[in-house]
Amino acid sequence: MGESSVIRTEESEVQRVLP
């Protein structure tokens, strides 16, 4: 569960950088 949360956080940051 903890690891899944970390991976999701990284994906969210990538989407935020994109327009």
PDB file of N, CA and C in Angstrom:
ATOM      1  N   MET A   1       0.857  -1.211   0.000  1.00  0.00           N
ATOM      2  CA  MET A   1       0.000   0.000   0.000  1.00  0.00           C
ATOM      3  C   MET A   1       0.888   1.254   0.000  1.00  0.00           C
ATOM      4  N   GLY A   2       1.860   1.271   0.872  1.00  0.00           N
ATOM      5  CA  GLY A   2       2.752   2.451   0.945  1.00  0.00           C
ATOM      6  C   GLY A   2       3.464   2.690  -0.384  1.00  0.00           C
ATOM      7  N   GLU A   3       3.987   1.600  -0.953  1.00  0.00           N
ATOM      8  CA  GLU A   3       4.713   1.777  -2.227  1.00  0.00           C
ATOM      9  C   GLU A   3       3.781   2.304  -3.315  1.00  0.00           C
ATOM     10  N   SER A   4       2.583   1.773  -3.366  1.00  0.00           N
ATOM     11  CA  SER A   4       1.616   2.214  -4.409  1.00  0.00           C
ATOM     12  C   SER A   4       1.386   3.723  -4.289  1.00  0.00           C
ATOM     13  N   SER A   5       1.320   4.204  -3.065  1.00  0.00           N
ATOM     14  CA  SER A   5       1.058   5.646  -2.852  1.00  0.00           C
ATOM     15  C   SER A   5       2.229   6.460  -3.427  1.00  0.00           C
ATOM     16  N   VAL A   6       3.438   5.982  -3.219  1.00  0.00           N
ATOM     17  CA  VAL A   6       4.612   6.728  -3.709  1.00  0.00           C
ATOM     18  C   VAL A   6       4.573   6.792  -5.236  1.00  0.00           C
ATOM     19  N   ILE A   7       4.285   5.670  -5.872  1.00  0.00           N
ATOM     20  CA  ILE A   7       4.256   5.644  -7.347  1.00  0.00           C
ATOM     21  C   ILE A   7       3.174   6.611  -7.846  1.00  0.00           C
ATOM     22  N   ARG A   8       2.044   6.631  -7.187  1.00  0.00           N
ATOM     23  CA  ARG A   8       0.929   7.496  -7.646  1.00  0.00           C
ATOM     24  C   ARG A   8       1.372   8.958  -7.474  1.00  0.00           C
ATOM     25  N   THR A   9       2.038   9.270  -6.434  1.00  0.00           N
ATOM     26  CA  THR A   9       2.475  10.669  -6.213  1.00  0.00           C
ATOM     27  C   THR A   9       3.403  11.101  -7.362  1.00  0.00           C
ATOM     28  N   GLU A  10       4.287  10.204  -7.774  1.00  0.00           N
ATOM     29  CA  GLU A  10       5.218  10.569  -8.871  1.00  0.00           C
ATOM     30  C   GLU A  10       4.423  10.809 -10.160  1.00  0.00           C
ATOM     31  N   GLU A  11       3.458   9.973 -10.443  1.00  0.00           N
ATOM     32  CA  GLU A  11       2.652  10.149 -11.674  1.00  0.00           C
ATOM     33  C   GLU A  11       1.880  11.473 -11.613  1.00  0.00           C
ATOM     34  N   SER A  12       1.380  11.811 -10.447  1.00  0.00           N
ATOM     35  CA  SER A  12       0.600  13.058 -10.304  1.00  0.00           C
ATOM     36  C   SER A  12       1.517  14.255 -10.602  1.00  0.00           C
ATOM     37  N   GLU A  13       2.761  14.192 -10.123  1.00  0.00           N
ATOM     38  CA  GLU A  13       3.677  15.323 -10.352  1.00  0.00           C
ATOM     39  C   GLU A  13       3.962  15.464 -11.852  1.00  0.00           C
ATOM     40  N   VAL A  14       4.136  14.375 -12.541  1.00  0.00           N
ATOM     41  CA  VAL A  14       4.427  14.428 -13.988  1.00  0.00           C
ATOM     42  C   VAL A  14       3.255  15.080 -14.712  1.00  0.00           C
ATOM     43  N   GLN A  15       2.045  14.685 -14.356  1.00  0.00           N
ATOM     44  CA  GLN A  15       0.858  15.257 -15.038  1.00  0.00           C
ATOM     45  C   GLN A  15       0.773  16.754 -14.739  1.00  0.00           C
ATOM     46  N   ARG A  16       1.173  17.156 -13.559  1.00  0.00           N
ATOM     47  CA  ARG A  16       1.069  18.585 -13.175  1.00  0.00           C
ATOM     48  C   ARG A  16       2.051  19.395 -14.038  1.00  0.00           C
ATOM     49  N   VAL A  17       3.194  18.852 -14.305  1.00  0.00           N
ATOM     50  CA  VAL A  17       4.196  19.579 -15.116  1.00  0.00           C
ATOM     51  C   VAL A  17       3.652  19.767 -16.536  1.00  0.00           C
ATOM     52  N   LEU A  18       2.980  18.748 -17.042  1.00  0.00           N
ATOM     53  CA  LEU A  18       2.432  18.869 -18.408  1.00  0.00           C
ATOM     54  C   LEU A  18       1.301  19.897 -18.428  1.00  0.00           C
ATOM     55  N   PRO A  19       1.080  20.511 -19.561  1.00  0.00           N
ATOM     56  CA  PRO A  19       0.041  21.544 -19.677  1.00  0.00           C
ATOM     57  C   PRO A  19      -1.358  20.942 -19.606  1.00  0.00           C
TER      58      PRO A  19
END
